[in-house]
């Protein structure tokens, strides 16, 4: 696979204090392990990474960056809906994020 055809992902990590961190990577599991080991984002210095709770395939890196920006602009309640939808939990109003249907990489 060439660098140009590499699949990128946007992901959410839940921290020990309940916060959600949004990032992108071409290997979310590896990146999550880096977050847990203290490498990478300073975000985790105050509250350690606990769980990789959402992963969405985006295609090219630029697309992943745009999706990351959009997710970061969402209120926390909307991010929580993404997490629930990816876990197959539907909200009482029946809302499910369409992107969550592709949340688990193959």
PDB file of N, CA and C in Angstrom:
ATOM      1  N   UNK A   1       0.855  -1.189   0.000  1.00  0.00           N
ATOM      2  CA  UNK A   1       0.000   0.000   0.000  1.00  0.00           C
ATOM      3  C   UNK A   1       0.889   1.236   0.000  1.00  0.00           C
ATOM      4  N   UNK A   2       0.635   2.121  -0.919  1.00  0.00           N
ATOM      5  CA  UNK A   2       1.424   3.344  -0.991  1.00  0.00           C
ATOM      6  C   UNK A   2       0.929   4.349   0.038  1.00  0.00           C
ATOM      7  N   UNK A   3       1.768   5.331   0.317  1.00  0.00           N
ATOM      8  CA  UNK A   3       1.396   6.365   1.289  1.00  0.00           C
ATOM      9  C   UNK A   3       0.138   7.102   0.839  1.00  0.00           C
ATOM     10  N   UNK A   4      -0.008   7.289  -0.470  1.00  0.00           N
ATOM     11  CA  UNK A   4      -1.165   8.016  -0.993  1.00  0.00           C
ATOM     12  C   UNK A   4      -2.461   7.224  -0.818  1.00  0.00           C
ATOM     13  N   UNK A   5      -2.374   5.883  -0.811  1.00  0.00           N
ATOM     14  CA  UNK A   5      -3.586   5.073  -0.694  1.00  0.00           C
ATOM     15  C   UNK A   5      -3.814   4.555   0.727  1.00  0.00           C
ATOM     16  N   UNK A   6      -2.988   4.974   1.667  1.00  0.00           N
ATOM     17  CA  UNK A   6      -3.121   4.532   3.051  1.00  0.00           C
ATOM     18  C   UNK A   6      -4.424   5.051   3.649  1.00  0.00           C
ATOM     19  N   UNK A   7      -5.120   4.192   4.388  1.00  0.00           N
ATOM     20  CA  UNK A   7      -6.354   4.600   5.059  1.00  0.00           C
ATOM     21  C   UNK A   7      -6.021   5.285   6.371  1.00  0.00           C
ATOM     22  N   UNK A   8      -6.645   6.421   6.591  1.00  0.00           N
ATOM     23  CA  UNK A   8      -6.500   7.159   7.848  1.00  0.00           C
ATOM     24  C   UNK A   8      -7.794   7.060   8.631  1.00  0.00           C
ATOM     25  N   UNK A   9      -7.674   7.207   9.938  1.00  0.00           N
ATOM     26  CA  UNK A   9      -8.805   7.069  10.840  1.00  0.00           C
ATOM     27  C   UNK A   9      -8.866   8.265  11.776  1.00  0.00           C
ATOM     28  N   UNK A  10     -10.073   8.614  12.176  1.00  0.00           N
ATOM     29  CA  UNK A  10     -10.266   9.563  13.265  1.00  0.00           C
ATOM     30  C   UNK A  10     -10.718   8.708  14.451  1.00  0.00           C
ATOM     31  N   UNK A  11     -10.258   9.053  15.644  1.00  0.00           N
ATOM     32  CA  UNK A  11     -10.573   8.228  16.807  1.00  0.00           C
ATOM     33  C   UNK A  11     -10.854   9.102  18.025  1.00  0.00           C
ATOM     34  N   UNK A  12     -11.559   8.513  18.983  1.00  0.00           N
ATOM     35  CA  UNK A  12     -11.813   9.152  20.269  1.00  0.00           C
ATOM     36  C   UNK A  12     -11.274   8.248  21.367  1.00  0.00           C
ATOM     37  N   UNK A  13     -10.566   8.858  22.311  1.00  0.00           N
ATOM     38  CA  UNK A  13     -10.030   8.148  23.475  1.00  0.00           C
ATOM     39  C   UNK A  13     -10.675   8.744  24.717  1.00  0.00           C
ATOM     40  N   UNK A  14     -11.166   7.870  25.587  1.00  0.00           N
ATOM     41  CA  UNK A  14     -11.701   8.337  26.871  1.00  0.00           C
ATOM     42  C   UNK A  14     -10.573   8.340  27.896  1.00  0.00           C
ATOM     43  N   UNK A  15     -10.514   9.431  28.680  1.00  0.00           N
ATOM     44  CA  UNK A  15      -9.483   9.561  29.710  1.00  0.00           C
ATOM     45  C   UNK A  15     -10.038   9.144  31.066  1.00  0.00           C
ATOM     46  N   UNK A  16      -9.144   9.054  32.042  1.00  0.00           N
ATOM     47  CA  UNK A  16      -9.525   8.639  33.390  1.00  0.00           C
ATOM     48  C   UNK A  16     -10.567   9.565  34.007  1.00  0.00           C
ATOM     49  N   UNK A  17     -10.550  10.841  33.627  1.00  0.00           N
ATOM     50  CA  UNK A  17     -11.523  11.780  34.204  1.00  0.00           C
ATOM     51  C   UNK A  17     -12.799  11.906  33.364  1.00  0.00           C
ATOM     52  N   UNK A  18     -12.936  11.060  32.331  1.00  0.00           N
ATOM     53  CA  UNK A  18     -14.148  11.045  31.519  1.00  0.00           C
ATOM     54  C   UNK A  18     -14.114  11.911  30.277  1.00  0.00           C
ATOM     55  N   UNK A  19     -13.055  12.681  30.088  1.00  0.00           N
ATOM     56  CA  UNK A  19     -12.938  13.530  28.898  1.00  0.00           C
ATOM     57  C   UNK A  19     -12.747  12.662  27.652  1.00  0.00           C
ATOM     58  N   UNK A  20     -13.056  13.237  26.493  1.00  0.00           N
ATOM     59  CA  UNK A  20     -12.837  12.556  25.219  1.00  0.00           C
ATOM     60  C   UNK A  20     -11.798  13.327  24.421  1.00  0.00           C
ATOM     61  N   UNK A  21     -10.777  12.617  23.946  1.00  0.00           N
ATOM     62  CA  UNK A  21      -9.725  13.203  23.114  1.00  0.00           C
ATOM     63  C   UNK A  21      -9.947  12.723  21.690  1.00  0.00           C
ATOM     64  N   UNK A  22      -9.884  13.629  20.726  1.00  0.00           N
ATOM     65  CA  UNK A  22     -10.056  13.292  19.321  1.00  0.00           C
ATOM     66  C   UNK A  22      -8.727  13.449  18.596  1.00  0.00           C
ATOM     67  N   UNK A  23      -8.370  12.456  17.786  1.00  0.00           N
ATOM     68  CA  UNK A  23      -7.140  12.527  17.009  1.00  0.00           C
ATOM     69  C   UNK A  23      -7.273  11.729  15.722  1.00  0.00           C
ATOM     70  N   UNK A  24      -6.206  11.753  14.910  1.00  0.00           N
ATOM     71  CA  UNK A  24      -6.170  10.954  13.682  1.00  0.00           C
ATOM     72  C   UNK A  24      -4.906  10.113  13.678  1.00  0.00           C
ATOM     73  N   UNK A  25      -4.976   8.999  12.952  1.00  0.00           N
ATOM     74  CA  UNK A  25      -3.817   8.122  12.822  1.00  0.00           C
ATOM     75  C   UNK A  25      -4.062   7.148  11.679  1.00  0.00           C
ATOM     76  N   UNK A  26      -2.984   6.609  11.135  1.00  0.00           N
ATOM     77  CA  UNK A  26      -3.122   5.541  10.150  1.00  0.00           C
ATOM     78  C   UNK A  26      -3.167   4.182  10.853  1.00  0.00           C
ATOM     79  N   UNK A  27      -2.958   4.175  12.183  1.00  0.00           N
ATOM     80  CA  UNK A  27      -3.027   2.958  12.992  1.00  0.00           C
ATOM     81  C   UNK A  27      -3.527   3.334  14.390  1.00  0.00           C
ATOM     82  N   UNK A  28      -4.845   3.418  14.577  1.00  0.00           N
ATOM     83  CA  UNK A  28      -5.392   3.899  15.851  1.00  0.00           C
ATOM     84  C   UNK A  28      -4.986   3.067  17.067  1.00  0.00           C
ATOM     85  N   UNK A  29      -4.864   1.750  16.912  1.00  0.00           N
ATOM     86  CA  UNK A  29      -4.476   0.917  18.048  1.00  0.00           C
ATOM     87  C   UNK A  29      -3.057   1.240  18.506  1.00  0.00           C
ATOM     88  N   UNK A  30      -2.142   1.407  17.539  1.00  0.00           N
ATOM     89  CA  UNK A  30      -0.763   1.767  17.876  1.00  0.00           C
ATOM     90  C   UNK A  30      -0.730   3.141  18.543  1.00  0.00           C
ATOM     91  N   UNK A  31      -1.483   4.071  17.992  1.00  0.00           N
ATOM     92  CA  UNK A  31      -1.502   5.433  18.548  1.00  0.00           C
ATOM     93  C   UNK A  31      -2.078   5.441  19.962  1.00  0.00           C
ATOM     94  N   UNK A  32      -3.118   4.645  20.195  1.00  0.00           N
ATOM     95  CA  UNK A  32      -3.695   4.538  21.534  1.00  0.00           C
ATOM     96  C   UNK A  32      -2.654   3.994  22.515  1.00  0.00           C
ATOM     97  N   UNK A  33      -1.900   2.985  22.093  1.00  0.00           N
ATOM     98  CA  UNK A  33      -0.838   2.437  22.955  1.00  0.00           C
ATOM     99  C   UNK A  33       0.197   3.517  23.269  1.00  0.00           C
ATOM    100  N   UNK A  34       0.516   4.366  22.290  1.00  0.00           N
ATOM    101  CA  UNK A  34       1.444   5.472  22.537  1.00  0.00           C
ATOM    102  C   UNK A  34       0.860   6.442  23.558  1.00  0.00           C
ATOM    103  N   UNK A  35      -0.420   6.748  23.429  1.00  0.00           N
ATOM    104  CA  UNK A  35      -1.066   7.645  24.397  1.00  0.00           C
ATOM    105  C   UNK A  35      -1.001   7.044  25.798  1.00  0.00           C
ATOM    106  N   UNK A  36      -1.228   5.742  25.910  1.00  0.00           N
ATOM    107  CA  UNK A  36      -1.194   5.088  27.217  1.00  0.00           C
ATOM    108  C   UNK A  36       0.204   5.089  27.822  1.00  0.00           C
ATOM    109  N   UNK A  37       1.216   5.050  26.974  1.00  0.00           N
ATOM    110  CA  UNK A  37       2.596   5.011  27.469  1.00  0.00           C
ATOM    111  C   UNK A  37       3.165   6.402  27.737  1.00  0.00           C
ATOM    112  N   UNK A  38       2.359   7.447  27.510  1.00  0.00           N
ATOM    113  CA  UNK A  38       2.806   8.807  27.795  1.00  0.00           C
ATOM    114  C   UNK A  38       3.457   9.513  26.627  1.00  0.00           C
ATOM    115  N   UNK A  39       3.498   8.863  25.457  1.00  0.00           N
ATOM    116  CA  UNK A  39       4.077   9.495  24.268  1.00  0.00           C
ATOM    117  C   UNK A  39       2.968  10.196  23.489  1.00  0.00           C
ATOM    118  N   UNK A  40       3.312  11.290  22.869  1.00  0.00           N
ATOM    119  CA  UNK A  40       2.329  11.972  22.034  1.00  0.00           C
ATOM    120  C   UNK A  40       1.692  13.161  22.719  1.00  0.00           C
ATOM    121  N   UNK A  41       0.391  13.234  22.634  1.00  0.00           N
ATOM    122  CA  UNK A  41      -0.367  14.408  23.065  1.00  0.00           C
ATOM    123  C   UNK A  41      -0.191  14.745  24.545  1.00  0.00           C
ATOM    124  N   UNK A  42       0.039  16.028  24.806  1.00  0.00           N
ATOM    125  CA  UNK A  42       0.144  16.523  26.188  1.00  0.00           C
ATOM    126  C   UNK A  42      -1.196  16.458  26.906  1.00  0.00           C
ATOM    127  N   UNK A  43      -2.257  16.319  26.142  1.00  0.00           N
ATOM    128  CA  UNK A  43      -3.612  16.221  26.688  1.00  0.00           C
ATOM    129  C   UNK A  43      -3.685  15.174  27.798  1.00  0.00           C
ATOM    130  N   UNK A  44      -2.925  14.090  27.649  1.00  0.00           N
ATOM    131  CA  UNK A  44      -3.002  12.966  28.580  1.00  0.00           C
ATOM    132  C   UNK A  44      -2.120  13.125  29.811  1.00  0.00           C
ATOM    133  N   UNK A  45      -1.387  14.218  29.920  1.00  0.00           N
ATOM    134  CA  UNK A  45      -0.544  14.428  31.100  1.00  0.00           C
ATOM    135  C   UNK A  45      -1.385  14.613  32.353  1.00  0.00           C
ATOM    136  N   UNK A  46      -2.541  15.251  32.232  1.00  0.00           N
ATOM    137  CA  UNK A  46      -3.382  15.503  33.405  1.00  0.00           C
ATOM    138  C   UNK A  46      -4.336  14.349  33.708  1.00  0.00           C
ATOM    139  N   UNK A  47      -4.680  13.559  32.714  1.00  0.00           N
ATOM    140  CA  UNK A  47      -5.583  12.428  32.904  1.00  0.00           C
ATOM    141  C   UNK A  47      -5.239  11.354  31.876  1.00  0.00           C
ATOM    142  N   UNK A  48      -4.780  10.191  32.328  1.00  0.00           N
ATOM    143  CA  UNK A  48      -4.304   9.158  31.405  1.00  0.00           C
ATOM    144  C   UNK A  48      -5.386   8.603  30.467  1.00  0.00           C
ATOM    145  N   UNK A  49      -4.931   8.141  29.307  1.00  0.00           N
ATOM    146  CA  UNK A  49      -5.813   7.487  28.342  1.00  0.00           C
ATOM    147  C   UNK A  49      -6.282   6.158  28.926  1.00  0.00           C
ATOM    148  N   UNK A  50      -7.592   5.903  28.836  1.00  0.00           N
ATOM    149  CA  UNK A  50      -8.134   4.662  29.395  1.00  0.00           C
ATOM    150  C   UNK A  50      -8.684   3.716  28.343  1.00  0.00           C
ATOM    151  N   UNK A  51      -9.379   4.236  27.334  1.00  0.00           N
ATOM    152  CA  UNK A  51     -10.010   3.350  26.362  1.00  0.00           C
ATOM    153  C   UNK A  51     -10.137   4.034  25.007  1.00  0.00           C
ATOM    154  N   UNK A  52      -9.902   3.253  23.970  1.00  0.00           N
ATOM    155  CA  UNK A  52     -10.156   3.694  22.601  1.00  0.00           C
ATOM    156  C   UNK A  52     -11.633   3.400  22.356  1.00  0.00           C
ATOM    157  N   UNK A  53     -12.468   4.438  22.303  1.00  0.00           N
ATOM    158  CA  UNK A  53     -13.917   4.233  22.311  1.00  0.00           C
ATOM    159  C   UNK A  53     -14.602   4.461  20.968  1.00  0.00           C
ATOM    160  N   UNK A  54     -13.889   5.025  19.994  1.00  0.00           N
ATOM    161  CA  UNK A  54     -14.503   5.301  18.696  1.00  0.00           C
ATOM    162  C   UNK A  54     -13.416   5.348  17.638  1.00  0.00           C
ATOM    163  N   UNK A  55     -13.647   4.651  16.528  1.00  0.00           N
ATOM    164  CA  UNK A  55     -12.725   4.675  15.389  1.00  0.00           C
ATOM    165  C   UNK A  55     -13.564   4.759  14.120  1.00  0.00           C
ATOM    166  N   UNK A  56     -13.210   5.701  13.252  1.00  0.00           N
ATOM    167  CA  UNK A  56     -13.935   5.899  11.995  1.00  0.00           C
ATOM    168  C   UNK A  56     -12.933   5.973  10.848  1.00  0.00           C
ATOM    169  N   UNK A  57     -13.080   5.092   9.860  1.00  0.00           N
ATOM    170  CA  UNK A  57     -12.227   5.118   8.676  1.00  0.00           C
ATOM    171  C   UNK A  57     -12.589   6.326   7.826  1.00  0.00           C
ATOM    172  N   UNK A  58     -11.561   7.045   7.355  1.00  0.00           N
ATOM    173  CA  UNK A  58     -11.808   8.273   6.593  1.00  0.00           C
ATOM    174  C   UNK A  58     -11.185   8.276   5.212  1.00  0.00           C
ATOM    175  N   UNK A  59     -10.343   7.353   4.890  1.00  0.00           N
ATOM    176  CA  UNK A  59      -9.678   7.387   3.599  1.00  0.00           C
ATOM    177  C   UNK A  59      -8.366   8.138   3.690  1.00  0.00           C
ATOM    178  N   UNK A  60      -8.243   9.215   2.929  1.00  0.00           N
ATOM    179  CA  UNK A  60      -7.002   9.989   2.876  1.00  0.00           C
ATOM    180  C   UNK A  60      -6.811  10.830   4.137  1.00  0.00           C
ATOM    181  N   UNK A  61      -5.572  11.231   4.372  1.00  0.00           N
ATOM    182  CA  UNK A  61      -5.231  12.015   5.563  1.00  0.00           C
ATOM    183  C   UNK A  61      -6.007  13.328   5.620  1.00  0.00           C
ATOM    184  N   UNK A  62      -6.141  14.011   4.501  1.00  0.00           N
ATOM    185  CA  UNK A  62      -6.872  15.279   4.470  1.00  0.00           C
ATOM    186  C   UNK A  62      -8.322  15.116   4.904  1.00  0.00           C
ATOM    187  N   UNK A  63      -8.925  14.027   4.463  1.00  0.00           N
ATOM    188  CA  UNK A  63     -10.307  13.741   4.857  1.00  0.00           C
ATOM    189  C   UNK A  63     -10.388  13.485   6.368  1.00  0.00           C
ATOM    190  N   UNK A  64      -9.413  12.759   6.905  1.00  0.00           N
ATOM    191  CA  UNK A  64      -9.374  12.492   8.351  1.00  0.00           C
ATOM    192  C   UNK A  64      -9.193  13.787   9.137  1.00  0.00           C
ATOM    193  N   UNK A  65      -8.350  14.687   8.636  1.00  0.00           N
ATOM    194  CA  UNK A  65      -8.149  15.975   9.310  1.00  0.00           C
ATOM    195  C   UNK A  65      -9.433  16.802   9.332  1.00  0.00           C
ATOM    196  N   UNK A  66     -10.159  16.802   8.211  1.00  0.00           N
ATOM    197  CA  UNK A  66     -11.425  17.536   8.153  1.00  0.00           C
ATOM    198  C   UNK A  66     -12.451  16.944   9.117  1.00  0.00           C
ATOM    199  N   UNK A  67     -12.519  15.621   9.165  1.00  0.00           N
ATOM    200  CA  UNK A  67     -13.469  14.963  10.066  1.00  0.00           C
ATOM    201  C   UNK A  67     -13.080  15.211  11.530  1.00  0.00           C
ATOM    202  N   UNK A  68     -11.778  15.170  11.824  1.00  0.00           N
ATOM    203  CA  UNK A  68     -11.303  15.456  13.184  1.00  0.00           C
ATOM    204  C   UNK A  68     -11.733  16.865  13.603  1.00  0.00           C
ATOM    205  N   UNK A  69     -11.533  17.829  12.723  1.00  0.00           N
ATOM    206  CA  UNK A  69     -11.913  19.206  13.015  1.00  0.00           C
ATOM    207  C   UNK A  69     -13.411  19.302  13.292  1.00  0.00           C
ATOM    208  N   UNK A  70     -14.210  18.603  12.491  1.00  0.00           N
ATOM    209  CA  UNK A  70     -15.665  18.625  12.678  1.00  0.00           C
ATOM    210  C   UNK A  70     -16.059  18.000  14.019  1.00  0.00           C
ATOM    211  N   UNK A  71     -15.432  16.891  14.366  1.00  0.00           N
ATOM    212  CA  UNK A  71     -15.749  16.231  15.639  1.00  0.00           C
ATOM    213  C   UNK A  71     -15.320  17.097  16.811  1.00  0.00           C
ATOM    214  N   UNK A  72     -14.158  17.730  16.711  1.00  0.00           N
ATOM    215  CA  UNK A  72     -13.683  18.584  17.804  1.00  0.00           C
ATOM    216  C   UNK A  72     -14.622  19.763  18.048  1.00  0.00           C
ATOM    217  N   UNK A  73     -15.355  20.186  17.017  1.00  0.00           N
ATOM    218  CA  UNK A  73     -16.294  21.304  17.160  1.00  0.00           C
ATOM    219  C   UNK A  73     -17.620  20.880  17.790  1.00  0.00           C
ATOM    220  N   UNK A  74     -17.868  19.579  17.865  1.00  0.00           N
ATOM    221  CA  UNK A  74     -19.120  19.089  18.436  1.00  0.00           C
ATOM    222  C   UNK A  74     -19.139  19.273  19.948  1.00  0.00           C
ATOM    223  N   UNK A  75     -20.321  19.468  20.520  1.00  0.00           N
ATOM    224  CA  UNK A  75     -20.404  19.466  21.983  1.00  0.00           C
ATOM    225  C   UNK A  75     -20.138  18.043  22.495  1.00  0.00           C
ATOM    226  N   UNK A  76     -19.767  17.928  23.752  1.00  0.00           N
ATOM    227  CA  UNK A  76     -19.438  16.611  24.307  1.00  0.00           C
ATOM    228  C   UNK A  76     -20.603  15.646  24.165  1.00  0.00           C
ATOM    229  N   UNK A  77     -21.824  16.129  24.310  1.00  0.00           N
ATOM    230  CA  UNK A  77     -22.995  15.250  24.196  1.00  0.00           C
ATOM    231  C   UNK A  77     -23.059  14.590  22.813  1.00  0.00           C
ATOM    232  N   UNK A  78     -22.704  15.310  21.771  1.00  0.00           N
ATOM    233  CA  UNK A  78     -22.704  14.750  20.415  1.00  0.00           C
ATOM    234  C   UNK A  78     -21.577  13.735  20.247  1.00  0.00           C
ATOM    235  N   UNK A  79     -20.423  14.003  20.858  1.00  0.00           N
ATOM    236  CA  UNK A  79     -19.323  13.035  20.816  1.00  0.00           C
ATOM    237  C   UNK A  79     -19.725  11.753  21.538  1.00  0.00           C
ATOM    238  N   UNK A  80     -20.426  11.900  22.660  1.00  0.00           N
ATOM    239  CA  UNK A  80     -20.904  10.722  23.395  1.00  0.00           C
ATOM    240  C   UNK A  80     -21.874   9.915  22.539  1.00  0.00           C
ATOM    241  N   UNK A  81     -22.681  10.592  21.717  1.00  0.00           N
ATOM    242  CA  UNK A  81     -23.600   9.892  20.811  1.00  0.00           C
ATOM    243  C   UNK A  81     -22.821   9.073  19.785  1.00  0.00           C
ATOM    244  N   UNK A  82     -21.721   9.621  19.281  1.00  0.00           N
ATOM    245  CA  UNK A  82     -20.880   8.861  18.351  1.00  0.00           C
ATOM    246  C   UNK A  82     -20.379   7.588  19.015  1.00  0.00           C
ATOM    247  N   UNK A  83     -19.908   7.721  20.251  1.00  0.00           N
ATOM    248  CA  UNK A  83     -19.380   6.572  20.993  1.00  0.00           C
ATOM    249  C   UNK A  83     -20.479   5.528  21.186  1.00  0.00           C
ATOM    250  N   UNK A  84     -21.651   5.963  21.614  1.00  0.00           N
ATOM    251  CA  UNK A  84     -22.761   5.035  21.833  1.00  0.00           C
ATOM    252  C   UNK A  84     -23.188   4.357  20.534  1.00  0.00           C
ATOM    253  N   UNK A  85     -23.280   5.125  19.464  1.00  0.00           N
ATOM    254  CA  UNK A  85     -23.691   4.567  18.177  1.00  0.00           C
ATOM    255  C   UNK A  85     -22.679   3.541  17.681  1.00  0.00           C
ATOM    256  N   UNK A  86     -21.395   3.814  17.867  1.00  0.00           N
ATOM    257  CA  UNK A  86     -20.352   2.880  17.442  1.00  0.00           C
ATOM    258  C   UNK A  86     -20.436   1.583  18.233  1.00  0.00           C
ATOM    259  N   UNK A  87     -20.920   1.674  19.472  1.00  0.00           N
ATOM    260  CA  UNK A  87     -21.076   0.492  20.321  1.00  0.00           C
ATOM    261  C   UNK A  87     -22.400  -0.216  20.047  1.00  0.00           C
ATOM    262  N   UNK A  88     -23.194   0.319  19.111  1.00  0.00           N
ATOM    263  CA  UNK A  88     -24.470  -0.282  18.772  1.00  0.00           C
ATOM    264  C   UNK A  88     -25.585   0.082  19.728  1.00  0.00           C
ATOM    265  N   UNK A  89     -25.391   1.143  20.495  1.00  0.00           N
ATOM    266  CA  UNK A  89     -26.408   1.589  21.445  1.00  0.00           C
ATOM    267  C   UNK A  89     -27.159   2.750  20.815  1.00  0.00           C
ATOM    268  N   UNK A  90     -28.446   2.586  20.658  1.00  0.00           N
ATOM    269  CA  UNK A  90     -29.273   3.614  20.028  1.00  0.00           C
ATOM    270  C   UNK A  90     -29.899   4.498  21.090  1.00  0.00           C
ATOM    271  N   UNK A  91     -29.955   5.766  20.818  1.00  0.00           N
ATOM    272  CA  UNK A  91     -30.542   6.731  21.735  1.00  0.00           C
ATOM    273  C   UNK A  91     -32.069   6.606  21.689  1.00  0.00           C
ATOM    274  N   UNK A  92     -32.765   7.038  22.750  1.00  0.00           N
ATOM    275  CA  UNK A  92     -34.223   6.935  22.789  1.00  0.00           C
ATOM    276  C   UNK A  92     -34.927   7.559  21.584  1.00  0.00           C
ATOM    277  N   UNK A  93     -34.362   8.624  21.017  1.00  0.00           N
ATOM    278  CA  UNK A  93     -35.001   9.257  19.857  1.00  0.00           C
ATOM    279  C   UNK A  93     -34.662   8.548  18.547  1.00  0.00           C
ATOM    280  N   UNK A  94     -33.904   7.444  18.641  1.00  0.00           N
ATOM    281  CA  UNK A  94     -33.567   6.655  17.471  1.00  0.00           C
ATOM    282  C   UNK A  94     -32.401   7.179  16.664  1.00  0.00           C
ATOM    283  N   UNK A  95     -31.767   8.246  17.110  1.00  0.00           N
ATOM    284  CA  UNK A  95     -30.663   8.850  16.363  1.00  0.00           C
ATOM    285  C   UNK A  95     -29.428   7.961  16.399  1.00  0.00           C
ATOM    286  N   UNK A  96     -28.841   7.754  15.255  1.00  0.00           N
ATOM    287  CA  UNK A  96     -27.578   7.039  15.137  1.00  0.00           C
ATOM    288  C   UNK A  96     -26.761   7.760  14.083  1.00  0.00           C
ATOM    289  N   UNK A  97     -25.511   8.022  14.375  1.00  0.00           N
ATOM    290  CA  UNK A  97     -24.635   8.696  13.418  1.00  0.00           C
ATOM    291  C   UNK A  97     -24.318   7.747  12.268  1.00  0.00           C
ATOM    292  N   UNK A  98     -24.518   8.177  11.043  1.00  0.00           N
ATOM    293  CA  UNK A  98     -24.240   7.339   9.884  1.00  0.00           C
ATOM    294  C   UNK A  98     -22.781   6.945   9.829  1.00  0.00           C
ATOM    295  N   UNK A  99     -21.892   7.839  10.232  1.00  0.00           N
ATOM    296  CA  UNK A  99     -20.460   7.543  10.189  1.00  0.00           C
ATOM    297  C   UNK A  99     -20.109   6.411  11.128  1.00  0.00           C
ATOM    298  N   UNK A 100     -20.876   6.213  12.182  1.00  0.00           N
ATOM    299  CA  UNK A 100     -20.561   5.161  13.138  1.00  0.00           C
ATOM    300  C   UNK A 100     -20.737   3.782  12.527  1.00  0.00           C
ATOM    301  N   UNK A 101     -21.466   3.670  11.438  1.00  0.00           N
ATOM    302  CA  UNK A 101     -21.640   2.392  10.776  1.00  0.00           C
ATOM    303  C   UNK A 101     -20.305   1.865  10.252  1.00  0.00           C
ATOM    304  N   UNK A 102     -19.347   2.760   9.991  1.00  0.00           N
ATOM    305  CA  UNK A 102     -18.031   2.378   9.494  1.00  0.00           C
ATOM    306  C   UNK A 102     -16.976   2.549  10.570  1.00  0.00           C
ATOM    307  N   UNK A 103     -17.380   2.660  11.806  1.00  0.00           N
ATOM    308  CA  UNK A 103     -16.461   3.028  12.877  1.00  0.00           C
ATOM    309  C   UNK A 103     -15.410   1.980  13.167  1.00  0.00           C
ATOM    310  N   UNK A 104     -15.696   0.714  12.918  1.00  0.00           N
ATOM    311  CA  UNK A 104     -14.741  -0.327  13.241  1.00  0.00           C
ATOM    312  C   UNK A 104     -13.955  -0.694  11.997  1.00  0.00           C
ATOM    313  N   UNK A 105     -12.623  -0.511  12.032  1.00  0.00           N
ATOM    314  CA  UNK A 105     -11.822  -0.842  10.855  1.00  0.00           C
ATOM    315  C   UNK A 105     -11.811  -2.342  10.615  1.00  0.00           C
ATOM    316  N   UNK A 106     -11.743  -2.740   9.358  1.00  0.00           N
ATOM    317  CA  UNK A 106     -11.740  -4.159   8.999  1.00  0.00           C
ATOM    318  C   UNK A 106     -10.427  -4.812   9.321  1.00  0.00           C
TER     319      UNK A 106
END
